[in-house]
N, C-alpha and C. Protein backbone atom coordinates (compact mmCIF):
# COMPACT_ATOMS: atom_id res chain seq x y z
N MET A 1 0.84 -1.17 0.00
CA MET A 1 0.00 0.00 0.00
C MET A 1 0.88 1.23 0.00
N SER A 2 0.52 2.21 -0.77
CA SER A 2 1.33 3.42 -0.86
C SER A 2 1.23 4.22 0.43
N SER A 3 2.28 4.99 0.71
CA SER A 3 2.26 5.82 1.92
C SER A 3 1.18 6.89 1.81
N GLU A 4 0.86 7.34 0.62
CA GLU A 4 -0.21 8.32 0.43
C GLU A 4 -1.56 7.73 0.84
N ALA A 5 -1.82 6.50 0.45
CA ALA A 5 -3.08 5.84 0.83
C ALA A 5 -3.14 5.65 2.35
N GLN A 6 -2.00 5.32 2.96
CA GLN A 6 -1.97 5.14 4.41
C GLN A 6 -2.29 6.45 5.13
N LYS A 7 -1.77 7.56 4.63
CA LYS A 7 -2.03 8.86 5.25
C LYS A 7 -3.51 9.20 5.18
N GLN A 8 -4.15 8.87 4.07
CA GLN A 8 -5.56 9.19 3.90
C GLN A 8 -6.45 8.30 4.75
N ASP A 9 -6.13 7.03 4.85
CA ASP A 9 -6.99 6.07 5.52
C ASP A 9 -6.77 6.00 7.03
N GLY A 10 -5.60 6.32 7.51
CA GLY A 10 -5.34 6.31 8.94
C GLY A 10 -4.95 4.95 9.48
N PHE A 11 -5.88 4.05 9.70
CA PHE A 11 -5.64 2.74 10.29
C PHE A 11 -5.66 1.70 9.18
N VAL A 12 -4.53 1.03 8.97
CA VAL A 12 -4.39 0.09 7.85
C VAL A 12 -4.30 -1.33 8.39
N VAL A 13 -5.13 -2.22 7.83
CA VAL A 13 -5.17 -3.62 8.24
C VAL A 13 -4.75 -4.51 7.08
N GLY A 14 -3.83 -5.44 7.35
CA GLY A 14 -3.45 -6.45 6.38
C GLY A 14 -4.20 -7.74 6.68
N VAL A 15 -4.81 -8.34 5.68
CA VAL A 15 -5.56 -9.58 5.87
C VAL A 15 -4.92 -10.67 5.03
N ILE A 16 -4.73 -11.84 5.64
CA ILE A 16 -4.09 -12.97 4.96
C ILE A 16 -4.75 -14.26 5.46
N SER A 17 -4.70 -15.29 4.66
CA SER A 17 -5.19 -16.60 5.08
C SER A 17 -4.50 -17.68 4.26
N ASP A 18 -4.74 -18.92 4.65
CA ASP A 18 -4.28 -20.08 3.88
C ASP A 18 -2.78 -20.06 3.58
N THR A 19 -1.98 -19.72 4.58
CA THR A 19 -0.53 -19.76 4.39
C THR A 19 0.01 -21.18 4.47
N HIS A 20 -0.68 -22.07 5.16
CA HIS A 20 -0.32 -23.49 5.24
C HIS A 20 1.16 -23.70 5.57
N GLY A 21 1.68 -22.88 6.50
CA GLY A 21 3.06 -23.06 6.95
C GLY A 21 4.11 -22.37 6.12
N HIS A 22 3.72 -21.63 5.10
CA HIS A 22 4.68 -20.96 4.22
C HIS A 22 4.27 -19.50 4.04
N LEU A 23 5.15 -18.60 4.47
CA LEU A 23 4.87 -17.18 4.31
C LEU A 23 5.73 -16.66 3.16
N ARG A 24 5.09 -16.25 2.10
CA ARG A 24 5.82 -15.76 0.92
C ARG A 24 6.61 -14.49 1.27
N PRO A 25 7.77 -14.32 0.67
CA PRO A 25 8.58 -13.13 0.94
C PRO A 25 7.86 -11.82 0.59
N GLU A 26 6.94 -11.86 -0.34
CA GLU A 26 6.22 -10.66 -0.76
C GLU A 26 5.33 -10.09 0.34
N VAL A 27 4.99 -10.92 1.33
CA VAL A 27 4.08 -10.49 2.39
C VAL A 27 4.70 -9.34 3.19
N ALA A 28 5.97 -9.43 3.52
CA ALA A 28 6.62 -8.38 4.31
C ALA A 28 6.53 -7.04 3.60
N LYS A 29 6.75 -7.03 2.31
CA LYS A 29 6.67 -5.78 1.54
C LYS A 29 5.22 -5.29 1.46
N ALA A 30 4.30 -6.21 1.20
CA ALA A 30 2.89 -5.82 1.07
C ALA A 30 2.33 -5.28 2.38
N PHE A 31 2.79 -5.81 3.51
CA PHE A 31 2.27 -5.41 4.81
C PHE A 31 3.11 -4.35 5.51
N ALA A 32 4.14 -3.86 4.86
CA ALA A 32 4.98 -2.82 5.47
C ALA A 32 4.11 -1.61 5.81
N GLY A 33 4.14 -1.20 7.06
CA GLY A 33 3.38 -0.04 7.48
C GLY A 33 1.97 -0.30 7.95
N VAL A 34 1.49 -1.55 7.92
CA VAL A 34 0.14 -1.82 8.41
C VAL A 34 0.12 -1.70 9.93
N ASP A 35 -1.05 -1.37 10.47
CA ASP A 35 -1.21 -1.22 11.91
C ASP A 35 -1.61 -2.53 12.58
N LEU A 36 -2.18 -3.45 11.82
CA LEU A 36 -2.71 -4.70 12.35
C LEU A 36 -2.76 -5.72 11.24
N ILE A 37 -2.50 -6.98 11.58
CA ILE A 37 -2.62 -8.08 10.62
C ILE A 37 -3.66 -9.06 11.13
N ILE A 38 -4.55 -9.47 10.24
CA ILE A 38 -5.54 -10.51 10.55
C ILE A 38 -5.19 -11.73 9.72
N HIS A 39 -4.99 -12.87 10.39
CA HIS A 39 -4.81 -14.14 9.68
C HIS A 39 -6.09 -14.93 9.86
N ALA A 40 -6.77 -15.23 8.76
CA ALA A 40 -8.10 -15.83 8.80
C ALA A 40 -8.09 -17.35 8.69
N GLY A 41 -7.05 -17.99 9.18
CA GLY A 41 -7.05 -19.44 9.30
C GLY A 41 -6.21 -20.19 8.29
N ASP A 42 -6.03 -21.48 8.57
CA ASP A 42 -5.12 -22.36 7.82
C ASP A 42 -3.71 -21.76 7.82
N ILE A 43 -3.24 -21.50 9.02
CA ILE A 43 -1.94 -20.86 9.24
C ILE A 43 -0.81 -21.83 8.93
N GLY A 44 -0.85 -22.99 9.54
CA GLY A 44 0.15 -24.02 9.27
C GLY A 44 1.12 -24.27 10.41
N ASN A 45 1.64 -23.22 11.05
CA ASN A 45 2.56 -23.39 12.17
C ASN A 45 2.79 -22.06 12.89
N HIS A 46 3.44 -22.15 14.07
CA HIS A 46 3.73 -20.96 14.87
C HIS A 46 4.67 -20.00 14.16
N GLU A 47 5.57 -20.54 13.34
CA GLU A 47 6.57 -19.70 12.68
C GLU A 47 5.92 -18.64 11.79
N VAL A 48 4.81 -18.99 11.15
CA VAL A 48 4.11 -18.02 10.31
C VAL A 48 3.61 -16.86 11.16
N LEU A 49 3.01 -17.18 12.30
CA LEU A 49 2.51 -16.13 13.19
C LEU A 49 3.65 -15.27 13.73
N GLU A 50 4.76 -15.88 14.08
CA GLU A 50 5.90 -15.12 14.59
C GLU A 50 6.45 -14.17 13.51
N ALA A 51 6.52 -14.62 12.29
CA ALA A 51 7.00 -13.76 11.20
C ALA A 51 6.05 -12.59 10.98
N LEU A 52 4.75 -12.85 11.07
CA LEU A 52 3.78 -11.77 10.92
C LEU A 52 3.86 -10.80 12.10
N ARG A 53 4.06 -11.32 13.31
CA ARG A 53 4.17 -10.46 14.49
C ARG A 53 5.39 -9.54 14.42
N ALA A 54 6.39 -9.93 13.66
CA ALA A 54 7.56 -9.07 13.47
C ALA A 54 7.21 -7.85 12.63
N ILE A 55 6.09 -7.91 11.91
CA ILE A 55 5.65 -6.82 11.06
C ILE A 55 4.67 -5.91 11.80
N ALA A 56 3.68 -6.51 12.47
CA ALA A 56 2.63 -5.76 13.17
C ALA A 56 1.91 -6.71 14.12
N PRO A 57 1.12 -6.17 15.06
CA PRO A 57 0.31 -7.04 15.92
C PRO A 57 -0.62 -7.92 15.07
N VAL A 58 -0.86 -9.15 15.55
CA VAL A 58 -1.62 -10.13 14.78
C VAL A 58 -2.83 -10.63 15.57
N HIS A 59 -3.96 -10.72 14.90
CA HIS A 59 -5.14 -11.44 15.40
C HIS A 59 -5.32 -12.61 14.44
N ALA A 60 -5.47 -13.82 14.98
CA ALA A 60 -5.56 -15.00 14.13
C ALA A 60 -6.61 -15.97 14.67
N VAL A 61 -7.23 -16.67 13.75
CA VAL A 61 -8.13 -17.77 14.10
C VAL A 61 -7.60 -19.04 13.46
N ARG A 62 -7.93 -20.17 14.10
CA ARG A 62 -7.49 -21.45 13.53
C ARG A 62 -8.44 -21.86 12.41
N GLY A 63 -7.89 -22.49 11.41
CA GLY A 63 -8.69 -22.99 10.30
C GLY A 63 -8.86 -24.49 10.38
N ASN A 64 -9.62 -25.05 9.46
CA ASN A 64 -9.88 -26.49 9.48
C ASN A 64 -8.64 -27.32 9.19
N MET A 65 -7.59 -26.72 8.64
CA MET A 65 -6.35 -27.44 8.35
C MET A 65 -5.30 -27.27 9.45
N ASP A 66 -5.58 -26.44 10.44
CA ASP A 66 -4.64 -26.23 11.54
C ASP A 66 -4.81 -27.33 12.57
N GLY A 67 -3.73 -28.04 12.84
CA GLY A 67 -3.79 -29.20 13.73
C GLY A 67 -3.66 -28.86 15.19
N GLY A 68 -3.14 -29.82 15.96
CA GLY A 68 -3.05 -29.70 17.40
C GLY A 68 -2.28 -28.50 17.90
N TRP A 69 -1.30 -28.05 17.16
CA TRP A 69 -0.52 -26.90 17.59
C TRP A 69 -1.39 -25.65 17.75
N ALA A 70 -2.52 -25.60 17.04
CA ALA A 70 -3.35 -24.39 16.99
C ALA A 70 -4.52 -24.42 17.97
N HIS A 71 -4.58 -25.41 18.86
CA HIS A 71 -5.72 -25.49 19.78
C HIS A 71 -5.85 -24.26 20.68
N GLY A 72 -4.77 -23.52 20.89
CA GLY A 72 -4.83 -22.31 21.68
C GLY A 72 -5.41 -21.12 20.95
N LEU A 73 -5.55 -21.24 19.64
CA LEU A 73 -6.13 -20.14 18.85
C LEU A 73 -7.64 -20.26 18.83
N PRO A 74 -8.33 -19.13 18.82
CA PRO A 74 -9.79 -19.19 18.78
C PRO A 74 -10.30 -19.63 17.42
N ALA A 75 -11.52 -20.17 17.40
CA ALA A 75 -12.16 -20.53 16.13
C ALA A 75 -12.78 -19.29 15.49
N THR A 76 -13.16 -18.34 16.32
CA THR A 76 -13.68 -17.05 15.84
C THR A 76 -13.11 -15.96 16.73
N GLU A 77 -13.09 -14.76 16.21
CA GLU A 77 -12.60 -13.63 17.00
C GLU A 77 -13.24 -12.35 16.49
N VAL A 78 -13.58 -11.48 17.42
CA VAL A 78 -14.09 -10.16 17.06
C VAL A 78 -13.01 -9.15 17.38
N VAL A 79 -12.60 -8.41 16.37
CA VAL A 79 -11.60 -7.35 16.54
C VAL A 79 -12.37 -6.05 16.65
N GLU A 80 -12.49 -5.53 17.85
CA GLU A 80 -13.39 -4.40 18.09
C GLU A 80 -12.88 -3.07 17.58
N LYS A 81 -11.64 -2.97 17.24
CA LYS A 81 -11.09 -1.71 16.76
C LYS A 81 -11.90 -1.18 15.58
N PHE A 82 -12.33 -2.11 14.74
CA PHE A 82 -13.10 -1.70 13.57
C PHE A 82 -14.27 -2.64 13.30
N MET A 83 -14.73 -3.31 14.35
CA MET A 83 -15.93 -4.15 14.27
C MET A 83 -15.85 -5.19 13.16
N CYS A 84 -14.94 -6.10 13.27
CA CYS A 84 -14.77 -7.15 12.27
C CYS A 84 -14.89 -8.50 12.95
N CYS A 85 -15.73 -9.36 12.43
CA CYS A 85 -15.83 -10.72 12.93
C CYS A 85 -15.17 -11.64 11.93
N MET A 86 -14.24 -12.50 12.38
CA MET A 86 -13.60 -13.41 11.44
C MET A 86 -13.82 -14.84 11.89
N MET A 87 -14.06 -15.68 10.90
CA MET A 87 -14.17 -17.12 11.14
C MET A 87 -13.82 -17.84 9.84
N PRO A 88 -13.19 -18.99 9.95
CA PRO A 88 -12.88 -19.74 8.73
C PRO A 88 -14.15 -20.10 7.98
N ILE A 89 -14.09 -20.02 6.69
CA ILE A 89 -15.23 -20.35 5.84
C ILE A 89 -14.93 -21.69 5.18
N SER A 90 -15.76 -22.69 5.46
CA SER A 90 -15.41 -24.03 4.99
C SER A 90 -16.34 -24.57 3.92
N SER A 91 -17.33 -23.81 3.51
CA SER A 91 -18.21 -24.33 2.47
C SER A 91 -18.58 -23.24 1.49
N THR A 92 -18.94 -23.63 0.30
CA THR A 92 -19.36 -22.68 -0.73
C THR A 92 -20.59 -21.92 -0.28
N TRP A 93 -21.53 -22.60 0.38
CA TRP A 93 -22.75 -21.95 0.84
C TRP A 93 -22.43 -20.83 1.82
N THR A 94 -21.51 -21.09 2.77
CA THR A 94 -21.15 -20.07 3.74
C THR A 94 -20.47 -18.90 3.04
N ARG A 95 -19.61 -19.18 2.07
CA ARG A 95 -18.97 -18.10 1.32
C ARG A 95 -20.01 -17.24 0.62
N LEU A 96 -21.02 -17.87 0.05
CA LEU A 96 -22.07 -17.13 -0.64
C LEU A 96 -22.84 -16.26 0.36
N GLN A 97 -23.17 -16.81 1.51
CA GLN A 97 -23.89 -16.04 2.52
C GLN A 97 -23.06 -14.83 2.97
N LEU A 98 -21.76 -15.04 3.18
CA LEU A 98 -20.90 -13.95 3.60
C LEU A 98 -20.83 -12.88 2.52
N ALA A 99 -20.68 -13.27 1.28
CA ALA A 99 -20.61 -12.31 0.18
C ALA A 99 -21.90 -11.51 0.08
N LEU A 100 -23.04 -12.14 0.30
CA LEU A 100 -24.32 -11.44 0.19
C LEU A 100 -24.55 -10.49 1.35
N SER A 101 -23.89 -10.74 2.49
CA SER A 101 -24.11 -9.88 3.64
C SER A 101 -23.24 -8.63 3.61
N LEU A 102 -22.31 -8.54 2.70
CA LEU A 102 -21.41 -7.39 2.67
C LEU A 102 -22.05 -6.17 2.11
């Protein structure tokens, strides 16, 4: 995101999901300057979260592919800073419902 867009918008959130244990190098550049990162599930391992935390504070939920290591992560979370509810979407029907509610 350009610094001009950040100045206009004020609070910038980076959203990512489905990393499955691999964080692409492009993520650090794309998220440079964000105020908060949301990982919407299927993280893969703690290392992904630690790498994201090095960029900005992280809110994360576990996805259906996250195993025993992720039991400490919530299945859903409400981030009250900007009223966002996140939960993994596991079916086409749920995706459709979410898209229609936007």
